[in-house]
Amino acid sequence: MSTTTRIRILIEGHLQGLNFRSNTKQQADQLGLKGFVRVLSDGRIEIEAQGQPEQVDQLLTWCQQKPHADVMSSIFYRYDEPLHRFNDFVAHV
């Protein structure tokens, strides 16, 4: 059984003014996670992160805290099987 967990998070809201992508990268780096954060063409934020289950859950909790929670209209997430394609965590422009 794998000790690595992967999560995909989709967030709707007005997060651009909060430097959300760069702050997410900083948080993921501190937690030792690999993956990415990016803005989709429809304006939603997508995060894929993988690492130790406790750290993955900490990132999800961080996403749901203030000030982020104040400007979110929805957050959806799911856990998936880990992938071996991530070398680090990247904030896509």
PDB file of N, CA and C in Angstrom:
ATOM      1  N   MET A   1       0.835  -1.185   0.000  1.00  0.00           N
ATOM      2  CA  MET A   1       0.000   0.000   0.000  1.00  0.00           C
ATOM      3  C   MET A   1       0.877   1.245   0.000  1.00  0.00           C
ATOM      4  N   SER A   2       0.520   2.219  -0.802  1.00  0.00           N
ATOM      5  CA  SER A   2       1.322   3.430  -0.964  1.00  0.00           C
ATOM      6  C   SER A   2       1.130   4.372   0.218  1.00  0.00           C
ATOM      7  N   THR A   3       2.215   5.033   0.610  1.00  0.00           N
ATOM      8  CA  THR A   3       2.124   6.057   1.654  1.00  0.00           C
ATOM      9  C   THR A   3       2.034   7.440   1.036  1.00  0.00           C
ATOM     10  N   THR A   4       1.921   7.496  -0.276  1.00  0.00           N
ATOM     11  CA  THR A   4       1.778   8.766  -0.981  1.00  0.00           C
ATOM     12  C   THR A   4       0.323   8.933  -1.408  1.00  0.00           C
ATOM     13  N   THR A   5      -0.186  10.155  -1.214  1.00  0.00           N
ATOM     14  CA  THR A   5      -1.557  10.486  -1.578  1.00  0.00           C
ATOM     15  C   THR A   5      -1.539  11.623  -2.583  1.00  0.00           C
ATOM     16  N   ARG A   6      -2.489  11.612  -3.519  1.00  0.00           N
ATOM     17  CA  ARG A   6      -2.643  12.711  -4.478  1.00  0.00           C
ATOM     18  C   ARG A   6      -4.044  13.273  -4.339  1.00  0.00           C
ATOM     19  N   ILE A   7      -4.135  14.594  -4.387  1.00  0.00           N
ATOM     20  CA  ILE A   7      -5.422  15.270  -4.310  1.00  0.00           C
ATOM     21  C   ILE A   7      -5.545  16.237  -5.480  1.00  0.00           C
ATOM     22  N   ARG A   8      -6.749  16.357  -5.994  1.00  0.00           N
ATOM     23  CA  ARG A   8      -7.063  17.367  -7.010  1.00  0.00           C
ATOM     24  C   ARG A   8      -8.111  18.280  -6.404  1.00  0.00           C
ATOM     25  N   ILE A   9      -7.824  19.578  -6.401  1.00  0.00           N
ATOM     26  CA  ILE A   9      -8.705  20.572  -5.799  1.00  0.00           C
ATOM     27  C   ILE A   9      -9.117  21.567  -6.876  1.00  0.00           C
ATOM     28  N   LEU A  10     -10.406  21.861  -6.976  1.00  0.00           N
ATOM     29  CA  LEU A  10     -10.923  22.895  -7.875  1.00  0.00           C
ATOM     30  C   LEU A  10     -11.628  23.944  -7.029  1.00  0.00           C
ATOM     31  N   ILE A  11     -11.232  25.198  -7.212  1.00  0.00           N
ATOM     32  CA  ILE A  11     -11.772  26.285  -6.410  1.00  0.00           C
ATOM     33  C   ILE A  11     -12.378  27.334  -7.331  1.00  0.00           C
ATOM     34  N   GLU A  12     -13.597  27.746  -7.009  1.00  0.00           N
ATOM     35  CA  GLU A  12     -14.237  28.867  -7.700  1.00  0.00           C
ATOM     36  C   GLU A  12     -14.283  30.044  -6.740  1.00  0.00           C
ATOM     37  N   GLY A  13     -14.001  31.230  -7.261  1.00  0.00           N
ATOM     38  CA  GLY A  13     -14.043  32.425  -6.432  1.00  0.00           C
ATOM     39  C   GLY A  13     -13.117  33.490  -6.981  1.00  0.00           C
ATOM     40  N   HIS A  14     -12.930  34.531  -6.224  1.00  0.00           N
ATOM     41  CA  HIS A  14     -12.097  35.663  -6.642  1.00  0.00           C
ATOM     42  C   HIS A  14     -10.811  35.678  -5.830  1.00  0.00           C
ATOM     43  N   LEU A  15      -9.884  34.780  -6.180  1.00  0.00           N
ATOM     44  CA  LEU A  15      -8.654  34.597  -5.414  1.00  0.00           C
ATOM     45  C   LEU A  15      -7.455  35.328  -6.002  1.00  0.00           C
ATOM     46  N   GLN A  16      -7.606  35.932  -7.180  1.00  0.00           N
ATOM     47  CA  GLN A  16      -6.455  36.528  -7.854  1.00  0.00           C
ATOM     48  C   GLN A  16      -5.794  37.625  -7.014  1.00  0.00           C
ATOM     49  N   GLY A  17      -6.565  38.429  -6.325  1.00  0.00           N
ATOM     50  CA  GLY A  17      -6.004  39.519  -5.540  1.00  0.00           C
ATOM     51  C   GLY A  17      -5.256  39.072  -4.298  1.00  0.00           C
ATOM     52  N   LEU A  18      -5.327  37.784  -3.989  1.00  0.00           N
ATOM     53  CA  LEU A  18      -4.672  37.266  -2.793  1.00  0.00           C
ATOM     54  C   LEU A  18      -3.340  36.584  -3.102  1.00  0.00           C
ATOM     55  N   ASN A  19      -2.845  36.731  -4.326  1.00  0.00           N
ATOM     56  CA  ASN A  19      -1.625  36.031  -4.731  1.00  0.00           C
ATOM     57  C   ASN A  19      -1.735  34.536  -4.422  1.00  0.00           C
ATOM     58  N   PHE A  20      -2.885  33.992  -4.719  1.00  0.00           N
ATOM     59  CA  PHE A  20      -3.193  32.629  -4.301  1.00  0.00           C
ATOM     60  C   PHE A  20      -2.234  31.597  -4.872  1.00  0.00           C
ATOM     61  N   ARG A  21      -1.880  31.728  -6.138  1.00  0.00           N
ATOM     62  CA  ARG A  21      -0.977  30.729  -6.739  1.00  0.00           C
ATOM     63  C   ARG A  21       0.388  30.727  -6.067  1.00  0.00           C
ATOM     64  N   SER A  22       0.978  31.903  -5.881  1.00  0.00           N
ATOM     65  CA  SER A  22       2.305  31.945  -5.263  1.00  0.00           C
ATOM     66  C   SER A  22       2.248  31.516  -3.799  1.00  0.00           C
ATOM     67  N   ASN A  23       1.175  31.882  -3.100  1.00  0.00           N
ATOM     68  CA  ASN A  23       1.029  31.454  -1.709  1.00  0.00           C
ATOM     69  C   ASN A  23       0.798  29.943  -1.608  1.00  0.00           C
ATOM     70  N   THR A  24       0.067  29.387  -2.577  1.00  0.00           N
ATOM     71  CA  THR A  24      -0.152  27.938  -2.599  1.00  0.00           C
ATOM     72  C   THR A  24       1.167  27.218  -2.829  1.00  0.00           C
ATOM     73  N   LYS A  25       1.972  27.725  -3.753  1.00  0.00           N
ATOM     74  CA  LYS A  25       3.289  27.122  -3.993  1.00  0.00           C
ATOM     75  C   LYS A  25       4.139  27.169  -2.733  1.00  0.00           C
ATOM     76  N   GLN A  26       4.167  28.304  -2.070  1.00  0.00           N
ATOM     77  CA  GLN A  26       4.955  28.438  -0.844  1.00  0.00           C
ATOM     78  C   GLN A  26       4.476  27.430   0.214  1.00  0.00           C
ATOM     79  N   GLN A  27       3.176  27.312   0.375  1.00  0.00           N
ATOM     80  CA  GLN A  27       2.617  26.373   1.347  1.00  0.00           C
ATOM     81  C   GLN A  27       2.965  24.939   0.976  1.00  0.00           C
ATOM     82  N   ALA A  28       2.807  24.586  -0.296  1.00  0.00           N
ATOM     83  CA  ALA A  28       3.119  23.232  -0.757  1.00  0.00           C
ATOM     84  C   ALA A  28       4.597  22.917  -0.573  1.00  0.00           C
ATOM     85  N   ASP A  29       5.472  23.880  -0.861  1.00  0.00           N
ATOM     86  CA  ASP A  29       6.910  23.675  -0.662  1.00  0.00           C
ATOM     87  C   ASP A  29       7.221  23.421   0.813  1.00  0.00           C
ATOM     88  N   GLN A  30       6.598  24.192   1.701  1.00  0.00           N
ATOM     89  CA  GLN A  30       6.816  24.006   3.133  1.00  0.00           C
ATOM     90  C   GLN A  30       6.349  22.630   3.600  1.00  0.00           C
ATOM     91  N   LEU A  31       5.304  22.117   2.967  1.00  0.00           N
ATOM     92  CA  LEU A  31       4.770  20.810   3.337  1.00  0.00           C
ATOM     93  C   LEU A  31       5.477  19.658   2.621  1.00  0.00           C
ATOM     94  N   GLY A  32       6.380  19.969   1.690  1.00  0.00           N
ATOM     95  CA  GLY A  32       7.107  18.937   0.964  1.00  0.00           C
ATOM     96  C   GLY A  32       6.280  18.233  -0.097  1.00  0.00           C
ATOM     97  N   LEU A  33       5.301  18.944  -0.660  1.00  0.00           N
ATOM     98  CA  LEU A  33       4.423  18.357  -1.669  1.00  0.00           C
ATOM     99  C   LEU A  33       4.944  18.597  -3.078  1.00  0.00           C
ATOM    100  N   LYS A  34       4.503  17.769  -3.989  1.00  0.00           N
ATOM    101  CA  LYS A  34       4.826  17.909  -5.410  1.00  0.00           C
ATOM    102  C   LYS A  34       3.519  18.076  -6.171  1.00  0.00           C
ATOM    103  N   GLY A  35       3.575  18.772  -7.310  1.00  0.00           N
ATOM    104  CA  GLY A  35       2.376  18.965  -8.110  1.00  0.00           C
ATOM    105  C   GLY A  35       2.350  20.333  -8.740  1.00  0.00           C
ATOM    106  N   PHE A  36       1.150  20.949  -8.806  1.00  0.00           N
ATOM    107  CA  PHE A  36       1.041  22.260  -9.455  1.00  0.00           C
ATOM    108  C   PHE A  36      -0.212  22.983  -8.999  1.00  0.00           C
ATOM    109  N   VAL A  37      -0.227  24.288  -9.270  1.00  0.00           N
ATOM    110  CA  VAL A  37      -1.416  25.124  -9.133  1.00  0.00           C
ATOM    111  C   VAL A  37      -1.497  25.961 -10.393  1.00  0.00           C
ATOM    112  N   ARG A  38      -2.712  26.145 -10.919  1.00  0.00           N
ATOM    113  CA  ARG A  38      -2.893  26.947 -12.127  1.00  0.00           C
ATOM    114  C   ARG A  38      -4.317  27.480 -12.200  1.00  0.00           C
ATOM    115  N   VAL A  39      -4.485  28.493 -13.038  1.00  0.00           N
ATOM    116  CA  VAL A  39      -5.814  29.035 -13.302  1.00  0.00           C
ATOM    117  C   VAL A  39      -6.311  28.403 -14.600  1.00  0.00           C
ATOM    118  N   LEU A  40      -7.492  27.832 -14.566  1.00  0.00           N
ATOM    119  CA  LEU A  40      -8.085  27.232 -15.754  1.00  0.00           C
ATOM    120  C   LEU A  40      -8.710  28.309 -16.635  1.00  0.00           C
ATOM    121  N   SER A  41      -9.015  27.969 -17.857  1.00  0.00           N
ATOM    122  CA  SER A  41      -9.558  28.946 -18.811  1.00  0.00           C
ATOM    123  C   SER A  41     -10.894  29.531 -18.353  1.00  0.00           C
ATOM    124  N   ASP A  42     -11.625  28.817 -17.508  1.00  0.00           N
ATOM    125  CA  ASP A  42     -12.897  29.332 -17.002  1.00  0.00           C
ATOM    126  C   ASP A  42     -12.743  30.123 -15.703  1.00  0.00           C
ATOM    127  N   GLY A  43     -11.492  30.350 -15.263  1.00  0.00           N
ATOM    128  CA  GLY A  43     -11.231  31.162 -14.079  1.00  0.00           C
ATOM    129  C   GLY A  43     -11.103  30.384 -12.782  1.00  0.00           C
ATOM    130  N   ARG A  44     -11.458  29.096 -12.788  1.00  0.00           N
ATOM    131  CA  ARG A  44     -11.283  28.303 -11.576  1.00  0.00           C
ATOM    132  C   ARG A  44      -9.800  28.043 -11.330  1.00  0.00           C
ATOM    133  N   ILE A  45      -9.465  27.807 -10.069  1.00  0.00           N
ATOM    134  CA  ILE A  45      -8.105  27.438  -9.681  1.00  0.00           C
ATOM    135  C   ILE A  45      -8.061  25.920  -9.566  1.00  0.00           C
ATOM    136  N   GLU A  46      -7.055  25.313 -10.171  1.00  0.00           N
ATOM    137  CA  GLU A  46      -6.850  23.872 -10.054  1.00  0.00           C
ATOM    138  C   GLU A  46      -5.548  23.631  -9.318  1.00  0.00           C
ATOM    139  N   ILE A  47      -5.599  22.754  -8.346  1.00  0.00           N
ATOM    140  CA  ILE A  47      -4.403  22.332  -7.607  1.00  0.00           C
ATOM    141  C   ILE A  47      -4.340  20.813  -7.682  1.00  0.00           C
ATOM    142  N   GLU A  48      -3.182  20.299  -8.034  1.00  0.00           N
ATOM    143  CA  GLU A  48      -2.897  18.875  -7.892  1.00  0.00           C
ATOM    144  C   GLU A  48      -1.678  18.784  -7.016  1.00  0.00           C
ATOM    145  N   ALA A  49      -1.786  18.020  -5.947  1.00  0.00           N
ATOM    146  CA  ALA A  49      -0.664  17.895  -5.023  1.00  0.00           C
ATOM    147  C   ALA A  49      -0.570  16.457  -4.558  1.00  0.00           C
ATOM    148  N   GLN A  50       0.657  16.014  -4.353  1.00  0.00           N
ATOM    149  CA  GLN A  50       0.840  14.686  -3.807  1.00  0.00           C
ATOM    150  C   GLN A  50       2.008  14.667  -2.849  1.00  0.00           C
ATOM    151  N   GLY A  51       1.889  13.785  -1.881  1.00  0.00           N
ATOM    152  CA  GLY A  51       2.897  13.637  -0.839  1.00  0.00           C
ATOM    153  C   GLY A  51       2.329  12.783   0.273  1.00  0.00           C
ATOM    154  N   GLN A  52       2.853  12.960   1.458  1.00  0.00           N
ATOM    155  CA  GLN A  52       2.362  12.225   2.617  1.00  0.00           C
ATOM    156  C   GLN A  52       0.919  12.637   2.907  1.00  0.00           C
ATOM    157  N   PRO A  53       0.065  11.695   3.281  1.00  0.00           N
ATOM    158  CA  PRO A  53      -1.351  12.015   3.496  1.00  0.00           C
ATOM    159  C   PRO A  53      -1.578  13.178   4.467  1.00  0.00           C
ATOM    160  N   GLU A  54      -0.813  13.263   5.532  1.00  0.00           N
ATOM    161  CA  GLU A  54      -1.001  14.345   6.503  1.00  0.00           C
ATOM    162  C   GLU A  54      -0.717  15.706   5.885  1.00  0.00           C
ATOM    163  N   GLN A  55       0.319  15.786   5.055  1.00  0.00           N
ATOM    164  CA  GLN A  55       0.670  17.052   4.411  1.00  0.00           C
ATOM    165  C   GLN A  55      -0.346  17.435   3.343  1.00  0.00           C
ATOM    166  N   VAL A  56      -0.845  16.457   2.615  1.00  0.00           N
ATOM    167  CA  VAL A  56      -1.886  16.715   1.607  1.00  0.00           C
ATOM    168  C   VAL A  56      -3.131  17.281   2.295  1.00  0.00           C
ATOM    169  N   ASP A  57      -3.509  16.671   3.413  1.00  0.00           N
ATOM    170  CA  ASP A  57      -4.673  17.162   4.158  1.00  0.00           C
ATOM    171  C   ASP A  57      -4.429  18.558   4.725  1.00  0.00           C
ATOM    172  N   GLN A  58      -3.193  18.845   5.130  1.00  0.00           N
ATOM    173  CA  GLN A  58      -2.872  20.188   5.629  1.00  0.00           C
ATOM    174  C   GLN A  58      -3.020  21.234   4.531  1.00  0.00           C
ATOM    175  N   LEU A  59      -2.637  20.890   3.296  1.00  0.00           N
ATOM    176  CA  LEU A  59      -2.817  21.827   2.182  1.00  0.00           C
ATOM    177  C   LEU A  59      -4.302  22.083   1.940  1.00  0.00           C
ATOM    178  N   LEU A  60      -5.120  21.049   1.960  1.00  0.00           N
ATOM    179  CA  LEU A  60      -6.559  21.213   1.773  1.00  0.00           C
ATOM    180  C   LEU A  60      -7.134  22.108   2.876  1.00  0.00           C
ATOM    181  N   THR A  61      -6.739  21.881   4.100  1.00  0.00           N
ATOM    182  CA  THR A  61      -7.208  22.716   5.220  1.00  0.00           C
ATOM    183  C   THR A  61      -6.776  24.158   5.029  1.00  0.00           C
ATOM    184  N   TRP A  62      -5.532  24.368   4.611  1.00  0.00           N
ATOM    185  CA  TRP A  62      -5.014  25.724   4.369  1.00  0.00           C
ATOM    186  C   TRP A  62      -5.852  26.433   3.299  1.00  0.00           C
ATOM    187  N   CYS A  63      -6.209  25.716   2.239  1.00  0.00           N
ATOM    188  CA  CYS A  63      -7.019  26.309   1.165  1.00  0.00           C
ATOM    189  C   CYS A  63      -8.380  26.782   1.680  1.00  0.00           C
ATOM    190  N   GLN A  64      -8.911  26.122   2.697  1.00  0.00           N
ATOM    191  CA  GLN A  64     -10.248  26.415   3.195  1.00  0.00           C
ATOM    192  C   GLN A  64     -10.263  27.460   4.312  1.00  0.00           C
ATOM    193  N   GLN A  65      -9.091  27.981   4.696  1.00  0.00           N
ATOM    194  CA  GLN A  65      -9.020  28.960   5.779  1.00  0.00           C
ATOM    195  C   GLN A  65      -9.102  30.378   5.246  1.00  0.00           C
ATOM    196  N   LYS A  66      -9.325  31.316   6.145  1.00  0.00           N
ATOM    197  CA  LYS A  66      -9.309  32.742   5.791  1.00  0.00           C
ATOM    198  C   LYS A  66      -7.891  33.134   5.419  1.00  0.00           C
ATOM    199  N   PRO A  67      -7.696  34.052   4.510  1.00  0.00           N
ATOM    200  CA  PRO A  67      -8.718  34.845   3.844  1.00  0.00           C
ATOM    201  C   PRO A  67      -9.334  34.156   2.627  1.00  0.00           C
ATOM    202  N   HIS A  68      -8.815  32.976   2.253  1.00  0.00           N
ATOM    203  CA  HIS A  68      -9.294  32.290   1.053  1.00  0.00           C
ATOM    204  C   HIS A  68     -10.786  31.978   1.131  1.00  0.00           C
ATOM    205  N   ALA A  69     -11.222  31.487   2.265  1.00  0.00           N
ATOM    206  CA  ALA A  69     -12.616  31.063   2.409  1.00  0.00           C
ATOM    207  C   ALA A  69     -13.592  32.216   2.196  1.00  0.00           C
ATOM    208  N   ASP A  70     -13.166  33.422   2.513  1.00  0.00           N
ATOM    209  CA  ASP A  70     -14.044  34.585   2.380  1.00  0.00           C
ATOM    210  C   ASP A  70     -14.404  34.910   0.930  1.00  0.00           C
ATOM    211  N   VAL A  71     -13.559  34.521  -0.014  1.00  0.00           N
ATOM    212  CA  VAL A  71     -13.790  34.871  -1.420  1.00  0.00           C
ATOM    213  C   VAL A  71     -14.079  33.652  -2.298  1.00  0.00           C
ATOM    214  N   MET A  72     -14.204  32.478  -1.705  1.00  0.00           N
ATOM    215  CA  MET A  72     -14.535  31.266  -2.461  1.00  0.00           C
ATOM    216  C   MET A  72     -16.041  31.133  -2.603  1.00  0.00           C
ATOM    217  N   SER A  73     -16.467  30.710  -3.782  1.00  0.00           N
ATOM    218  CA  SER A  73     -17.872  30.354  -3.937  1.00  0.00           C
ATOM    219  C   SER A  73     -18.050  28.844  -3.829  1.00  0.00           C
ATOM    220  N   SER A  74     -16.998  28.068  -4.151  1.00  0.00           N
ATOM    221  CA  SER A  74     -17.060  26.614  -3.966  1.00  0.00           C
ATOM    222  C   SER A  74     -15.658  26.022  -4.005  1.00  0.00           C
ATOM    223  N   ILE A  75     -15.531  24.882  -3.370  1.00  0.00           N
ATOM    224  CA  ILE A  75     -14.290  24.105  -3.424  1.00  0.00           C
ATOM    225  C   ILE A  75     -14.686  22.631  -3.529  1.00  0.00           C
ATOM    226  N   PHE A  76     -14.113  21.975  -4.501  1.00  0.00           N
ATOM    227  CA  PHE A  76     -14.343  20.551  -4.719  1.00  0.00           C
ATOM    228  C   PHE A  76     -12.990  19.864  -4.695  1.00  0.00           C
ATOM    229  N   TYR A  77     -12.949  18.664  -4.170  1.00  0.00           N
ATOM    230  CA  TYR A  77     -11.691  17.933  -4.167  1.00  0.00           C
ATOM    231  C   TYR A  77     -11.962  16.436  -4.236  1.00  0.00           C
ATOM    232  N   ARG A  78     -10.942  15.726  -4.698  1.00  0.00           N
ATOM    233  CA  ARG A  78     -10.997  14.265  -4.708  1.00  0.00           C
ATOM    234  C   ARG A  78      -9.576  13.736  -4.549  1.00  0.00           C
ATOM    235  N   TYR A  79      -9.503  12.573  -3.940  1.00  0.00           N
ATOM    236  CA  TYR A  79      -8.224  11.890  -3.782  1.00  0.00           C
ATOM    237  C   TYR A  79      -8.074  10.888  -4.914  1.00  0.00           C
ATOM    238  N   ASP A  80      -6.874  10.806  -5.467  1.00  0.00           N
ATOM    239  CA  ASP A  80      -6.582   9.895  -6.568  1.00  0.00           C
ATOM    240  C   ASP A  80      -5.314   9.107  -6.270  1.00  0.00           C
ATOM    241  N   GLU A  81      -5.083   8.110  -7.095  1.00  0.00           N
ATOM    242  CA  GLU A  81      -3.842   7.362  -6.999  1.00  0.00           C
ATOM    243  C   GLU A  81      -2.671   8.287  -7.333  1.00  0.00           C
ATOM    244  N   PRO A  82      -1.549   8.152  -6.648  1.00  0.00           N
ATOM    245  CA  PRO A  82      -0.399   9.019  -6.937  1.00  0.00           C
ATOM    246  C   PRO A  82       0.173   8.767  -8.332  1.00  0.00           C
ATOM    247  N   LEU A  83       0.747   9.831  -8.887  1.00  0.00           N
ATOM    248  CA  LEU A  83       1.436   9.764 -10.176  1.00  0.00           C
ATOM    249  C   LEU A  83       2.926   9.953  -9.923  1.00  0.00           C
ATOM    250  N   HIS A  84       3.720   9.485 -10.832  1.00  0.00           N
ATOM    251  CA  HIS A  84       5.166   9.630 -10.678  1.00  0.00           C
ATOM    252  C   HIS A  84       5.720  10.721 -11.588  1.00  0.00           C
ATOM    253  N   ARG A  85       4.868  11.623 -12.055  1.00  0.00           N
ATOM    254  CA  ARG A  85       5.315  12.631 -13.009  1.00  0.00           C
ATOM    255  C   ARG A  85       5.732  13.943 -12.360  1.00  0.00           C
ATOM    256  N   PHE A  86       5.519  14.107 -11.068  1.00  0.00           N
ATOM    257  CA  PHE A  86       5.836  15.368 -10.408  1.00  0.00           C
ATOM    258  C   PHE A  86       7.218  15.316  -9.767  1.00  0.00           C
ATOM    259  N   ASN A  87       8.052  16.320 -10.084  1.00  0.00           N
ATOM    260  CA  ASN A  87       9.374  16.420  -9.479  1.00  0.00           C
ATOM    261  C   ASN A  87       9.415  17.477  -8.385  1.00  0.00           C
ATOM    262  N   ASP A  88       8.541  18.463  -8.479  1.00  0.00           N
ATOM    263  CA  ASP A  88       8.464  19.547  -7.495  1.00  0.00           C
ATOM    264  C   ASP A  88       7.077  20.151  -7.584  1.00  0.00           C
ATOM    265  N   PHE A  89       6.860  21.281  -6.921  1.00  0.00           N
ATOM    266  CA  PHE A  89       5.573  21.969  -6.996  1.00  0.00           C
ATOM    267  C   PHE A  89       5.746  23.230  -7.811  1.00  0.00           C
ATOM    268  N   VAL A  90       4.866  23.428  -8.804  1.00  0.00           N
ATOM    269  CA  VAL A  90       4.990  24.530  -9.754  1.00  0.00           C
ATOM    270  C   VAL A  90       3.730  25.378  -9.731  1.00  0.00           C
ATOM    271  N   ALA A  91       3.910  26.684  -9.759  1.00  0.00           N
ATOM    272  CA  ALA A  91       2.794  27.616  -9.919  1.00  0.00           C
ATOM    273  C   ALA A  91       2.799  28.079 -11.370  1.00  0.00           C
ATOM    274  N   HIS A  92       1.849  27.588 -12.162  1.00  0.00           N
ATOM    275  CA  HIS A  92       1.765  27.962 -13.578  1.00  0.00           C
ATOM    276  C   HIS A  92       1.184  29.355 -13.720  1.00  0.00           C
ATOM    277  N   VAL A  93       1.711  30.090 -14.665  1.00  0.00           N
ATOM    278  CA  VAL A  93       1.222  31.452 -14.933  1.00  0.00           C
ATOM    279  C   VAL A  93       0.000  31.388 -15.809  1.00  0.00           C
TER     280      VAL A  93
END
